[in-house]
């Protein structure tokens, strides 16, 4: 018997492209970890500043044994019509090298914040 999802899943549109571009075995690990996140079977450590970026409120998940590939996500409150306790929002998936995945997540957060302020 599989555990029911306790969180909704949502993603920045470009984060879905990130997932598609991951190497096959890393992509499979990403899907596995995302399932565990929405079922509350796993939580990644909280992030703060990474390189030049402030990722306070975000979390990460390692996707491989060498910790070269990562997911960056947020745990958000539930949307109004949701029956779940919250939402896992994927910001980025990619390599750690050069803080690439963190830089990508931070840029996307800035764009989301700017769009929110404009609306």
PDB file of N, CA and C in Angstrom:
ATOM      1  N   UNK A   1       0.838  -1.172   0.000  1.00  0.00           N
ATOM      2  CA  UNK A   1       0.000   0.000   0.000  1.00  0.00           C
ATOM      3  C   UNK A   1       0.890   1.246   0.000  1.00  0.00           C
ATOM      4  N   UNK A   2       0.611   2.182  -0.882  1.00  0.00           N
ATOM      5  CA  UNK A   2       1.404   3.399  -0.952  1.00  0.00           C
ATOM      6  C   UNK A   2       0.750   4.501  -0.134  1.00  0.00           C
ATOM      7  N   UNK A   3       1.580   5.358   0.414  1.00  0.00           N
ATOM      8  CA  UNK A   3       1.096   6.473   1.217  1.00  0.00           C
ATOM      9  C   UNK A   3       0.427   7.500   0.317  1.00  0.00           C
ATOM     10  N   UNK A   4      -0.639   8.110   0.830  1.00  0.00           N
ATOM     11  CA  UNK A   4      -1.344   9.149   0.086  1.00  0.00           C
ATOM     12  C   UNK A   4      -0.549  10.444   0.125  1.00  0.00           C
ATOM     13  N   UNK A   5      -0.750  11.259  -0.898  1.00  0.00           N
ATOM     14  CA  UNK A   5      -0.087  12.562  -0.938  1.00  0.00           C
ATOM     15  C   UNK A   5      -0.701  13.470   0.117  1.00  0.00           C
ATOM     16  N   UNK A   6       0.135  14.089   0.907  1.00  0.00           N
ATOM     17  CA  UNK A   6      -0.307  15.040   1.918  1.00  0.00           C
ATOM     18  C   UNK A   6      -0.069  16.476   1.462  1.00  0.00           C
ATOM     19  N   UNK A   7       0.756  16.637   0.435  1.00  0.00           N
ATOM     20  CA  UNK A   7       1.024  17.938  -0.158  1.00  0.00           C
ATOM     21  C   UNK A   7       0.671  17.884  -1.640  1.00  0.00           C
ATOM     22  N   UNK A   8       0.197  18.999  -2.172  1.00  0.00           N
ATOM     23  CA  UNK A   8       0.058  19.137  -3.618  1.00  0.00           C
ATOM     24  C   UNK A   8       1.457  19.333  -4.198  1.00  0.00           C
ATOM     25  N   UNK A   9       1.581  19.104  -5.496  1.00  0.00           N
ATOM     26  CA  UNK A   9       2.841  19.363  -6.182  1.00  0.00           C
ATOM     27  C   UNK A   9       2.604  20.423  -7.238  1.00  0.00           C
ATOM     28  N   UNK A  10       3.516  21.367  -7.321  1.00  0.00           N
ATOM     29  CA  UNK A  10       3.500  22.381  -8.353  1.00  0.00           C
ATOM     30  C   UNK A  10       4.957  22.700  -8.671  1.00  0.00           C
ATOM     31  N   UNK A  11       5.198  23.291  -9.810  1.00  0.00           N
ATOM     32  CA  UNK A  11       6.577  23.587 -10.192  1.00  0.00           C
ATOM     33  C   UNK A  11       6.628  24.823 -11.066  1.00  0.00           C
ATOM     34  N   UNK A  12       7.724  25.527 -10.951  1.00  0.00           N
ATOM     35  CA  UNK A  12       8.010  26.596 -11.904  1.00  0.00           C
ATOM     36  C   UNK A  12       8.075  25.905 -13.271  1.00  0.00           C
ATOM     37  N   UNK A  13       7.449  26.481 -14.305  1.00  0.00           N
ATOM     38  CA  UNK A  13       7.440  25.801 -15.616  1.00  0.00           C
ATOM     39  C   UNK A  13       8.835  25.398 -16.103  1.00  0.00           C
ATOM     40  N   UNK A  14       9.820  26.231 -15.880  1.00  0.00           N
ATOM     41  CA  UNK A  14      11.172  25.898 -16.335  1.00  0.00           C
ATOM     42  C   UNK A  14      11.783  24.767 -15.513  1.00  0.00           C
ATOM     43  N   UNK A  15      11.300  24.557 -14.288  1.00  0.00           N
ATOM     44  CA  UNK A  15      11.824  23.461 -13.458  1.00  0.00           C
ATOM     45  C   UNK A  15      11.444  22.113 -14.058  1.00  0.00           C
ATOM     46  N   UNK A  16      10.307  22.054 -14.738  1.00  0.00           N
ATOM     47  CA  UNK A  16       9.924  20.810 -15.409  1.00  0.00           C
ATOM     48  C   UNK A  16      10.885  20.511 -16.562  1.00  0.00           C
ATOM     49  N   UNK A  17      11.316  21.553 -17.240  1.00  0.00           N
ATOM     50  CA  UNK A  17      12.338  21.389 -18.285  1.00  0.00           C
ATOM     51  C   UNK A  17      13.645  20.928 -17.664  1.00  0.00           C
ATOM     52  N   UNK A  18      13.976  21.496 -16.486  1.00  0.00           N
ATOM     53  CA  UNK A  18      15.177  21.039 -15.768  1.00  0.00           C
ATOM     54  C   UNK A  18      15.128  19.528 -15.557  1.00  0.00           C
ATOM     55  N   UNK A  19      13.972  19.040 -15.098  1.00  0.00           N
ATOM     56  CA  UNK A  19      13.831  17.597 -14.838  1.00  0.00           C
ATOM     57  C   UNK A  19      14.061  16.792 -16.107  1.00  0.00           C
ATOM     58  N   UNK A  20      13.492  17.247 -17.217  1.00  0.00           N
ATOM     59  CA  UNK A  20      13.663  16.539 -18.489  1.00  0.00           C
ATOM     60  C   UNK A  20      15.119  16.466 -18.930  1.00  0.00           C
ATOM     61  N   UNK A  21      15.913  17.456 -18.554  1.00  0.00           N
ATOM     62  CA  UNK A  21      17.310  17.537 -18.994  1.00  0.00           C
ATOM     63  C   UNK A  21      18.276  16.775 -18.088  1.00  0.00           C
ATOM     64  N   UNK A  22      17.797  16.282 -16.963  1.00  0.00           N
ATOM     65  CA  UNK A  22      18.674  15.522 -16.072  1.00  0.00           C
ATOM     66  C   UNK A  22      19.056  14.195 -16.713  1.00  0.00           C
ATOM     67  N   UNK A  23      20.240  13.666 -16.411  1.00  0.00           N
ATOM     68  CA  UNK A  23      20.578  12.311 -16.870  1.00  0.00           C
ATOM     69  C   UNK A  23      19.521  11.321 -16.366  1.00  0.00           C
ATOM     70  N   UNK A  24      19.269  10.276 -17.120  1.00  0.00           N
ATOM     71  CA  UNK A  24      18.190   9.327 -16.819  1.00  0.00           C
ATOM     72  C   UNK A  24      18.133   8.835 -15.394  1.00  0.00           C
ATOM     73  N   UNK A  25      19.256   8.375 -14.855  1.00  0.00           N
ATOM     74  CA  UNK A  25      19.246   7.842 -13.493  1.00  0.00           C
ATOM     75  C   UNK A  25      18.994   8.936 -12.461  1.00  0.00           C
ATOM     76  N   UNK A  26      19.481  10.128 -12.729  1.00  0.00           N
ATOM     77  CA  UNK A  26      19.266  11.251 -11.814  1.00  0.00           C
ATOM     78  C   UNK A  26      17.802  11.689 -11.883  1.00  0.00           C
ATOM     79  N   UNK A  27      17.225  11.691 -13.087  1.00  0.00           N
ATOM     80  CA  UNK A  27      15.806  12.032 -13.254  1.00  0.00           C
ATOM     81  C   UNK A  27      14.924  11.051 -12.489  1.00  0.00           C
ATOM     82  N   UNK A  28      15.237   9.765 -12.579  1.00  0.00           N
ATOM     83  CA  UNK A  28      14.476   8.759 -11.826  1.00  0.00           C
ATOM     84  C   UNK A  28      14.569   9.017 -10.326  1.00  0.00           C
ATOM     85  N   UNK A  29      15.750   9.364  -9.853  1.00  0.00           N
ATOM     86  CA  UNK A  29      15.924   9.687  -8.433  1.00  0.00           C
ATOM     87  C   UNK A  29      15.113  10.930  -8.067  1.00  0.00           C
ATOM     88  N   UNK A  30      15.074  11.924  -8.964  1.00  0.00           N
ATOM     89  CA  UNK A  30      14.306  13.147  -8.700  1.00  0.00           C
ATOM     90  C   UNK A  30      12.823  12.834  -8.544  1.00  0.00           C
ATOM     91  N   UNK A  31      12.287  12.027  -9.427  1.00  0.00           N
ATOM     92  CA  UNK A  31      10.873  11.651  -9.341  1.00  0.00           C
ATOM     93  C   UNK A  31      10.608  10.888  -8.037  1.00  0.00           C
ATOM     94  N   UNK A  32      11.498   9.990  -7.690  1.00  0.00           N
ATOM     95  CA  UNK A  32      11.375   9.236  -6.433  1.00  0.00           C
ATOM     96  C   UNK A  32      11.333  10.193  -5.236  1.00  0.00           C
ATOM     97  N   UNK A  33      12.255  11.141  -5.195  1.00  0.00           N
ATOM     98  CA  UNK A  33      12.306  12.087  -4.075  1.00  0.00           C
ATOM     99  C   UNK A  33      11.086  13.001  -4.057  1.00  0.00           C
ATOM    100  N   UNK A  34      10.617  13.445  -5.218  1.00  0.00           N
ATOM    101  CA  UNK A  34       9.420  14.287  -5.256  1.00  0.00           C
ATOM    102  C   UNK A  34       8.203  13.536  -4.714  1.00  0.00           C
ATOM    103  N   UNK A  35       8.088  12.261  -5.051  1.00  0.00           N
ATOM    104  CA  UNK A  35       6.993  11.443  -4.480  1.00  0.00           C
ATOM    105  C   UNK A  35       7.099  11.395  -2.960  1.00  0.00           C
ATOM    106  N   UNK A  36       8.300  11.202  -2.461  1.00  0.00           N
ATOM    107  CA  UNK A  36       8.504  11.145  -1.007  1.00  0.00           C
ATOM    108  C   UNK A  36       8.188  12.489  -0.346  1.00  0.00           C
ATOM    109  N   UNK A  37       8.505  13.575  -1.034  1.00  0.00           N
ATOM    110  CA  UNK A  37       8.220  14.900  -0.478  1.00  0.00           C
ATOM    111  C   UNK A  37       6.712  15.140  -0.348  1.00  0.00           C
ATOM    112  N   UNK A  38       5.947  14.816  -1.391  1.00  0.00           N
ATOM    113  CA  UNK A  38       4.497  15.070  -1.318  1.00  0.00           C
ATOM    114  C   UNK A  38       3.802  14.126  -0.341  1.00  0.00           C
ATOM    115  N   UNK A  39       4.425  13.015  -0.035  1.00  0.00           N
ATOM    116  CA  UNK A  39       3.865  12.074   0.952  1.00  0.00           C
ATOM    117  C   UNK A  39       4.386  12.341   2.366  1.00  0.00           C
ATOM    118  N   UNK A  40       5.171  13.376   2.522  1.00  0.00           N
ATOM    119  CA  UNK A  40       5.778  13.745   3.816  1.00  0.00           C
ATOM    120  C   UNK A  40       6.651  12.630   4.372  1.00  0.00           C
ATOM    121  N   UNK A  41       7.294  11.885   3.505  1.00  0.00           N
ATOM    122  CA  UNK A  41       8.211  10.840   3.926  1.00  0.00           C
ATOM    123  C   UNK A  41       9.649  11.338   3.942  1.00  0.00           C
ATOM    124  N   UNK A  42       9.829  12.580   3.539  1.00  0.00           N
ATOM    125  CA  UNK A  42      11.171  13.152   3.429  1.00  0.00           C
ATOM    126  C   UNK A  42      11.039  14.664   3.456  1.00  0.00           C
ATOM    127  N   UNK A  43      12.042  15.311   4.001  1.00  0.00           N
ATOM    128  CA  UNK A  43      12.176  16.774   3.931  1.00  0.00           C
ATOM    129  C   UNK A  43      13.645  17.076   3.735  1.00  0.00           C
ATOM    130  N   UNK A  44      13.911  18.037   2.885  1.00  0.00           N
ATOM    131  CA  UNK A  44      15.294  18.443   2.682  1.00  0.00           C
ATOM    132  C   UNK A  44      15.689  19.496   3.697  1.00  0.00           C
ATOM    133  N   UNK A  45      17.001  19.651   3.910  1.00  0.00           N
ATOM    134  CA  UNK A  45      17.460  20.687   4.839  1.00  0.00           C
ATOM    135  C   UNK A  45      17.131  22.087   4.322  1.00  0.00           C
ATOM    136  N   UNK A  46      16.907  22.988   5.268  1.00  0.00           N
ATOM    137  CA  UNK A  46      16.584  24.377   4.954  1.00  0.00           C
ATOM    138  C   UNK A  46      17.828  25.075   4.410  1.00  0.00           C
ATOM    139  N   UNK A  47      17.626  25.901   3.407  1.00  0.00           N
ATOM    140  CA  UNK A  47      18.709  26.683   2.821  1.00  0.00           C
ATOM    141  C   UNK A  47      18.657  28.113   3.352  1.00  0.00           C
ATOM    142  N   UNK A  48      19.752  28.779   3.254  1.00  0.00           N
ATOM    143  CA  UNK A  48      19.845  30.200   3.572  1.00  0.00           C
ATOM    144  C   UNK A  48      20.542  30.866   2.403  1.00  0.00           C
ATOM    145  N   UNK A  49      21.664  31.471   2.653  1.00  0.00           N
ATOM    146  CA  UNK A  49      22.438  32.084   1.571  1.00  0.00           C
ATOM    147  C   UNK A  49      23.274  31.010   0.874  1.00  0.00           C
ATOM    148  N   UNK A  50      23.285  31.061  -0.442  1.00  0.00           N
ATOM    149  CA  UNK A  50      24.097  30.162  -1.257  1.00  0.00           C
ATOM    150  C   UNK A  50      24.778  31.024  -2.307  1.00  0.00           C
ATOM    151  N   UNK A  51      26.078  31.150  -2.208  1.00  0.00           N
ATOM    152  CA  UNK A  51      26.779  32.026  -3.138  1.00  0.00           C
ATOM    153  C   UNK A  51      26.303  33.455  -2.929  1.00  0.00           C
ATOM    154  N   UNK A  52      25.872  34.092  -3.980  1.00  0.00           N
ATOM    155  CA  UNK A  52      25.394  35.473  -3.915  1.00  0.00           C
ATOM    156  C   UNK A  52      23.898  35.574  -3.611  1.00  0.00           C
ATOM    157  N   UNK A  53      23.222  34.437  -3.481  1.00  0.00           N
ATOM    158  CA  UNK A  53      21.769  34.424  -3.416  1.00  0.00           C
ATOM    159  C   UNK A  53      21.240  34.079  -2.039  1.00  0.00           C
ATOM    160  N   UNK A  54      20.088  34.657  -1.735  1.00  0.00           N
ATOM    161  CA  UNK A  54      19.388  34.336  -0.496  1.00  0.00           C
ATOM    162  C   UNK A  54      18.258  33.363  -0.813  1.00  0.00           C
ATOM    163  N   UNK A  55      18.389  32.137  -0.364  1.00  0.00           N
ATOM    164  CA  UNK A  55      17.372  31.100  -0.601  1.00  0.00           C
ATOM    165  C   UNK A  55      16.666  30.722   0.704  1.00  0.00           C
ATOM    166  N   UNK A  56      16.549  31.677   1.607  1.00  0.00           N
ATOM    167  CA  UNK A  56      15.835  31.445   2.853  1.00  0.00           C
ATOM    168  C   UNK A  56      14.409  31.008   2.527  1.00  0.00           C
ATOM    169  N   UNK A  57      13.964  29.953   3.176  1.00  0.00           N
ATOM    170  CA  UNK A  57      12.632  29.417   2.929  1.00  0.00           C
ATOM    171  C   UNK A  57      12.617  28.300   1.907  1.00  0.00           C
ATOM    172  N   UNK A  58      13.747  28.053   1.292  1.00  0.00           N
ATOM    173  CA  UNK A  58      13.855  26.950   0.331  1.00  0.00           C
ATOM    174  C   UNK A  58      14.539  25.764   1.001  1.00  0.00           C
ATOM    175  N   UNK A  59      14.393  24.615   0.374  1.00  0.00           N
ATOM    176  CA  UNK A  59      15.020  23.386   0.845  1.00  0.00           C
ATOM    177  C   UNK A  59      15.688  22.698  -0.339  1.00  0.00           C
ATOM    178  N   UNK A  60      16.587  21.769  -0.040  1.00  0.00           N
ATOM    179  CA  UNK A  60      17.265  21.019  -1.106  1.00  0.00           C
ATOM    180  C   UNK A  60      17.165  19.523  -0.830  1.00  0.00           C
ATOM    181  N   UNK A  61      17.302  18.775  -1.916  1.00  0.00           N
ATOM    182  CA  UNK A  61      17.369  17.318  -1.851  1.00  0.00           C
ATOM    183  C   UNK A  61      18.515  16.889  -2.753  1.00  0.00           C
ATOM    184  N   UNK A  62      19.377  16.012  -2.234  1.00  0.00           N
ATOM    185  CA  UNK A  62      20.458  15.437  -3.034  1.00  0.00           C
ATOM    186  C   UNK A  62      19.886  14.303  -3.873  1.00  0.00           C
ATOM    187  N   UNK A  63      20.312  14.227  -5.126  1.00  0.00           N
ATOM    188  CA  UNK A  63      19.770  13.225  -6.037  1.00  0.00           C
ATOM    189  C   UNK A  63      20.725  12.081  -6.332  1.00  0.00           C
ATOM    190  N   UNK A  64      21.959  12.194  -5.868  1.00  0.00           N
ATOM    191  CA  UNK A  64      22.916  11.126  -6.141  1.00  0.00           C
ATOM    192  C   UNK A  64      23.852  10.973  -4.952  1.00  0.00           C
ATOM    193  N   UNK A  65      24.524   9.869  -4.912  1.00  0.00           N
ATOM    194  CA  UNK A  65      25.420   9.534  -3.805  1.00  0.00           C
ATOM    195  C   UNK A  65      26.554  10.548  -3.639  1.00  0.00           C
ATOM    196  N   UNK A  66      27.043  11.083  -4.742  1.00  0.00           N
ATOM    197  CA  UNK A  66      28.141  12.052  -4.693  1.00  0.00           C
ATOM    198  C   UNK A  66      27.666  13.487  -4.415  1.00  0.00           C
ATOM    199  N   UNK A  67      26.374  13.671  -4.328  1.00  0.00           N
ATOM    200  CA  UNK A  67      25.752  14.980  -4.053  1.00  0.00           C
ATOM    201  C   UNK A  67      26.083  16.016  -5.118  1.00  0.00           C
ATOM    202  N   UNK A  68      26.162  15.564  -6.351  1.00  0.00           N
ATOM    203  CA  UNK A  68      26.448  16.469  -7.466  1.00  0.00           C
ATOM    204  C   UNK A  68      25.179  17.074  -8.069  1.00  0.00           C
ATOM    205  N   UNK A  69      24.050  16.398  -7.901  1.00  0.00           N
ATOM    206  CA  UNK A  69      22.767  16.813  -8.483  1.00  0.00           C
ATOM    207  C   UNK A  69      21.770  17.076  -7.363  1.00  0.00           C
ATOM    208  N   UNK A  70      20.956  18.141  -7.534  1.00  0.00           N
ATOM    209  CA  UNK A  70      20.050  18.553  -6.458  1.00  0.00           C
ATOM    210  C   UNK A  70      18.720  19.079  -6.988  1.00  0.00           C
ATOM    211  N   UNK A  71      17.728  19.025  -6.106  1.00  0.00           N
ATOM    212  CA  UNK A  71      16.461  19.723  -6.298  1.00  0.00           C
ATOM    213  C   UNK A  71      16.446  20.881  -5.308  1.00  0.00           C
ATOM    214  N   UNK A  72      15.868  21.994  -5.696  1.00  0.00           N
ATOM    215  CA  UNK A  72      15.599  23.098  -4.783  1.00  0.00           C
ATOM    216  C   UNK A  72      14.093  23.328  -4.843  1.00  0.00           C
ATOM    217  N   UNK A  73      13.470  23.334  -3.666  1.00  0.00           N
ATOM    218  CA  UNK A  73      12.017  23.470  -3.609  1.00  0.00           C
ATOM    219  C   UNK A  73      11.606  24.296  -2.401  1.00  0.00           C
ATOM    220  N   UNK A  74      10.328  24.667  -2.396  1.00  0.00           N
ATOM    221  CA  UNK A  74       9.723  25.355  -1.255  1.00  0.00           C
ATOM    222  C   UNK A  74       8.549  24.526  -0.752  1.00  0.00           C
ATOM    223  N   UNK A  75       8.307  24.611   0.533  1.00  0.00           N
ATOM    224  CA  UNK A  75       7.071  24.090   1.115  1.00  0.00           C
ATOM    225  C   UNK A  75       6.167  25.291   1.300  1.00  0.00           C
ATOM    226  N   UNK A  76       5.069  25.320   0.565  1.00  0.00           N
ATOM    227  CA  UNK A  76       4.165  26.469   0.586  1.00  0.00           C
ATOM    228  C   UNK A  76       2.855  26.107   1.291  1.00  0.00           C
ATOM    229  N   UNK A  77       2.126  27.124   1.749  1.00  0.00           N
ATOM    230  CA  UNK A  77       0.809  26.845   2.341  1.00  0.00           C
ATOM    231  C   UNK A  77      -0.138  26.309   1.268  1.00  0.00           C
ATOM    232  N   UNK A  78      -1.214  25.654   1.686  1.00  0.00           N
ATOM    233  CA  UNK A  78      -2.140  25.109   0.693  1.00  0.00           C
ATOM    234  C   UNK A  78      -2.847  26.213  -0.090  1.00  0.00           C
ATOM    235  N   UNK A  79      -3.194  25.908  -1.325  1.00  0.00           N
ATOM    236  CA  UNK A  79      -4.011  26.826  -2.119  1.00  0.00           C
ATOM    237  C   UNK A  79      -5.439  26.766  -1.586  1.00  0.00           C
ATOM    238  N   UNK A  80      -6.230  27.793  -1.827  1.00  0.00           N
ATOM    239  CA  UNK A  80      -7.574  27.853  -1.238  1.00  0.00           C
ATOM    240  C   UNK A  80      -8.456  26.620  -1.482  1.00  0.00           C
ATOM    241  N   UNK A  81      -8.431  26.051  -2.664  1.00  0.00           N
ATOM    242  CA  UNK A  81      -9.307  24.917  -2.976  1.00  0.00           C
ATOM    243  C   UNK A  81      -8.687  23.562  -2.633  1.00  0.00           C
ATOM    244  N   UNK A  82      -7.488  23.563  -2.099  1.00  0.00           N
ATOM    245  CA  UNK A  82      -6.771  22.317  -1.860  1.00  0.00           C
ATOM    246  C   UNK A  82      -7.292  21.578  -0.637  1.00  0.00           C
ATOM    247  N   UNK A  83      -7.233  20.276  -0.710  1.00  0.00           N
ATOM    248  CA  UNK A  83      -7.565  19.419   0.438  1.00  0.00           C
ATOM    249  C   UNK A  83      -6.297  18.949   1.148  1.00  0.00           C
ATOM    250  N   UNK A  84      -5.150  19.338   0.591  1.00  0.00           N
ATOM    251  CA  UNK A  84      -3.869  18.939   1.170  1.00  0.00           C
ATOM    252  C   UNK A  84      -3.394  19.980   2.176  1.00  0.00           C
ATOM    253  N   UNK A  85      -2.402  19.599   2.949  1.00  0.00           N
ATOM    254  CA  UNK A  85      -1.879  20.468   3.992  1.00  0.00           C
ATOM    255  C   UNK A  85      -0.887  21.500   3.505  1.00  0.00           C
ATOM    256  N   UNK A  86      -0.559  21.495   2.245  1.00  0.00           N
ATOM    257  CA  UNK A  86       0.400  22.445   1.707  1.00  0.00           C
ATOM    258  C   UNK A  86       0.781  22.053   0.297  1.00  0.00           C
ATOM    259  N   UNK A  87       1.846  22.669  -0.166  1.00  0.00           N
ATOM    260  CA  UNK A  87       2.288  22.453  -1.544  1.00  0.00           C
ATOM    261  C   UNK A  87       3.805  22.354  -1.589  1.00  0.00           C
ATOM    262  N   UNK A  88       4.292  21.378  -2.326  1.00  0.00           N
ATOM    263  CA  UNK A  88       5.706  21.289  -2.672  1.00  0.00           C
ATOM    264  C   UNK A  88       5.856  22.000  -4.008  1.00  0.00           C
ATOM    265  N   UNK A  89       6.664  23.070  -4.021  1.00  0.00           N
ATOM    266  CA  UNK A  89       6.845  23.866  -5.229  1.00  0.00           C
ATOM    267  C   UNK A  89       8.300  23.739  -5.674  1.00  0.00           C
ATOM    268  N   UNK A  90       8.502  23.032  -6.780  1.00  0.00           N
ATOM    269  CA  UNK A  90       9.841  22.820  -7.317  1.00  0.00           C
ATOM    270  C   UNK A  90      10.318  24.070  -8.051  1.00  0.00           C
ATOM    271  N   UNK A  91      11.468  24.580  -7.626  1.00  0.00           N
ATOM    272  CA  UNK A  91      12.057  25.765  -8.255  1.00  0.00           C
ATOM    273  C   UNK A  91      13.106  25.409  -9.303  1.00  0.00           C
ATOM    274  N   UNK A  92      13.928  24.405  -9.008  1.00  0.00           N
ATOM    275  CA  UNK A  92      15.023  24.076  -9.926  1.00  0.00           C
ATOM    276  C   UNK A  92      15.523  22.667  -9.656  1.00  0.00           C
ATOM    277  N   UNK A  93      16.067  22.061 -10.693  1.00  0.00           N
ATOM    278  CA  UNK A  93      16.735  20.764 -10.602  1.00  0.00           C
ATOM    279  C   UNK A  93      17.976  20.857 -11.459  1.00  0.00           C
ATOM    280  N   UNK A  94      19.111  20.443 -10.896  1.00  0.00           N
ATOM    281  CA  UNK A  94      20.322  20.521 -11.695  1.00  0.00           C
ATOM    282  C   UNK A  94      21.574  20.275 -10.896  1.00  0.00           C
ATOM    283  N   UNK A  95      22.708  20.580 -11.505  1.00  0.00           N
ATOM    284  CA  UNK A  95      23.994  20.322 -10.857  1.00  0.00           C
ATOM    285  C   UNK A  95      24.326  21.357  -9.793  1.00  0.00           C
ATOM    286  N   UNK A  96      25.051  20.917  -8.794  1.00  0.00           N
ATOM    287  CA  UNK A  96      25.536  21.804  -7.753  1.00  0.00           C
ATOM    288  C   UNK A  96      26.730  22.613  -8.248  1.00  0.00           C
ATOM    289  N   UNK A  97      27.496  22.056  -9.145  1.00  0.00           N
ATOM    290  CA  UNK A  97      28.732  22.662  -9.632  1.00  0.00           C
ATOM    291  C   UNK A  97      28.546  24.150  -9.916  1.00  0.00           C
ATOM    292  N   UNK A  98      29.402  24.958  -9.311  1.00  0.00           N
ATOM    293  CA  UNK A  98      29.334  26.400  -9.512  1.00  0.00           C
ATOM    294  C   UNK A  98      28.062  27.018  -8.951  1.00  0.00           C
ATOM    295  N   UNK A  99      27.409  26.329  -8.034  1.00  0.00           N
ATOM    296  CA  UNK A  99      26.146  26.790  -7.439  1.00  0.00           C
ATOM    297  C   UNK A  99      25.048  26.943  -8.495  1.00  0.00           C
ATOM    298  N   UNK A 100      25.167  26.232  -9.612  1.00  0.00           N
ATOM    299  CA  UNK A 100      24.245  26.396 -10.735  1.00  0.00           C
ATOM    300  C   UNK A 100      22.787  26.231 -10.328  1.00  0.00           C
ATOM    301  N   UNK A 101      22.457  25.159  -9.622  1.00  0.00           N
ATOM    302  CA  UNK A 101      21.055  24.928  -9.258  1.00  0.00           C
ATOM    303  C   UNK A 101      20.561  26.009  -8.300  1.00  0.00           C
ATOM    304  N   UNK A 102      21.420  26.482  -7.418  1.00  0.00           N
ATOM    305  CA  UNK A 102      21.029  27.541  -6.482  1.00  0.00           C
ATOM    306  C   UNK A 102      20.850  28.875  -7.214  1.00  0.00           C
ATOM    307  N   UNK A 103      21.731  29.182  -8.152  1.00  0.00           N
ATOM    308  CA  UNK A 103      21.609  30.404  -8.934  1.00  0.00           C
ATOM    309  C   UNK A 103      20.309  30.402  -9.736  1.00  0.00           C
ATOM    310  N   UNK A 104      19.994  29.269 -10.338  1.00  0.00           N
ATOM    311  CA  UNK A 104      18.762  29.140 -11.114  1.00  0.00           C
ATOM    312  C   UNK A 104      17.542  29.346 -10.224  1.00  0.00           C
ATOM    313  N   UNK A 105      17.514  28.694  -9.079  1.00  0.00           N
ATOM    314  CA  UNK A 105      16.379  28.824  -8.160  1.00  0.00           C
ATOM    315  C   UNK A 105      16.215  30.277  -7.711  1.00  0.00           C
ATOM    316  N   UNK A 106      17.310  30.930  -7.379  1.00  0.00           N
ATOM    317  CA  UNK A 106      17.237  32.317  -6.911  1.00  0.00           C
ATOM    318  C   UNK A 106      16.713  33.249  -7.996  1.00  0.00           C
ATOM    319  N   UNK A 107      17.173  33.074  -9.225  1.00  0.00           N
ATOM    320  CA  UNK A 107      16.669  33.905 -10.335  1.00  0.00           C
ATOM    321  C   UNK A 107      15.171  33.694 -10.518  1.00  0.00           C
ATOM    322  N   UNK A 108      14.728  32.461 -10.425  1.00  0.00           N
ATOM    323  CA  UNK A 108      13.297  32.185 -10.586  1.00  0.00           C
ATOM    324  C   UNK A 108      12.487  32.784  -9.442  1.00  0.00           C
ATOM    325  N   UNK A 109      13.020  32.751  -8.245  1.00  0.00           N
ATOM    326  CA  UNK A 109      12.336  33.392  -7.112  1.00  0.00           C
ATOM    327  C   UNK A 109      12.211  34.891  -7.339  1.00  0.00           C
ATOM    328  N   UNK A 110      13.258  35.515  -7.844  1.00  0.00           N
ATOM    329  CA  UNK A 110      13.208  36.953  -8.126  1.00  0.00           C
ATOM    330  C   UNK A 110      12.147  37.262  -9.171  1.00  0.00           C
ATOM    331  N   UNK A 111      12.067  36.451 -10.218  1.00  0.00           N
ATOM    332  CA  UNK A 111      11.059  36.666 -11.260  1.00  0.00           C
ATOM    333  C   UNK A 111       9.649  36.479 -10.706  1.00  0.00           C
ATOM    334  N   UNK A 112       9.457  35.462  -9.868  1.00  0.00           N
ATOM    335  CA  UNK A 112       8.141  35.242  -9.261  1.00  0.00           C
ATOM    336  C   UNK A 112       7.759  36.400  -8.355  1.00  0.00           C
ATOM    337  N   UNK A 113       8.708  36.898  -7.566  1.00  0.00           N
ATOM    338  CA  UNK A 113       8.439  38.024  -6.678  1.00  0.00           C
ATOM    339  C   UNK A 113       8.096  39.279  -7.476  1.00  0.00           C
ATOM    340  N   UNK A 114       8.812  39.514  -8.563  1.00  0.00           N
ATOM    341  CA  UNK A 114       8.537  40.683  -9.403  1.00  0.00           C
ATOM    342  C   UNK A 114       7.154  40.580 -10.046  1.00  0.00           C
ATOM    343  N   UNK A 115       6.789  39.395 -10.503  1.00  0.00           N
ATOM    344  CA  UNK A 115       5.474  39.197 -11.111  1.00  0.00           C
ATOM    345  C   UNK A 115       4.360  39.388 -10.073  1.00  0.00           C
ATOM    346  N   UNK A 116       4.607  38.930  -8.854  1.00  0.00           N
ATOM    347  CA  UNK A 116       3.628  39.083  -7.773  1.00  0.00           C
ATOM    348  C   UNK A 116       3.440  40.563  -7.435  1.00  0.00           C
ATOM    349  N   UNK A 117       4.536  41.322  -7.385  1.00  0.00           N
ATOM    350  CA  UNK A 117       4.445  42.759  -7.069  1.00  0.00           C
ATOM    351  C   UNK A 117       3.699  43.508  -8.172  1.00  0.00           C
ATOM    352  N   UNK A 118       3.874  43.063  -9.425  1.00  0.00           N
ATOM    353  CA  UNK A 118       3.250  43.740 -10.566  1.00  0.00           C
ATOM    354  C   UNK A 118       1.750  43.456 -10.660  1.00  0.00           C
ATOM    355  N   UNK A 119       1.295  42.365 -10.065  1.00  0.00           N
ATOM    356  CA  UNK A 119      -0.140  42.027 -10.190  1.00  0.00           C
ATOM    357  C   UNK A 119      -0.983  42.653  -9.121  1.00  0.00           C
TER     358      UNK A 119
END
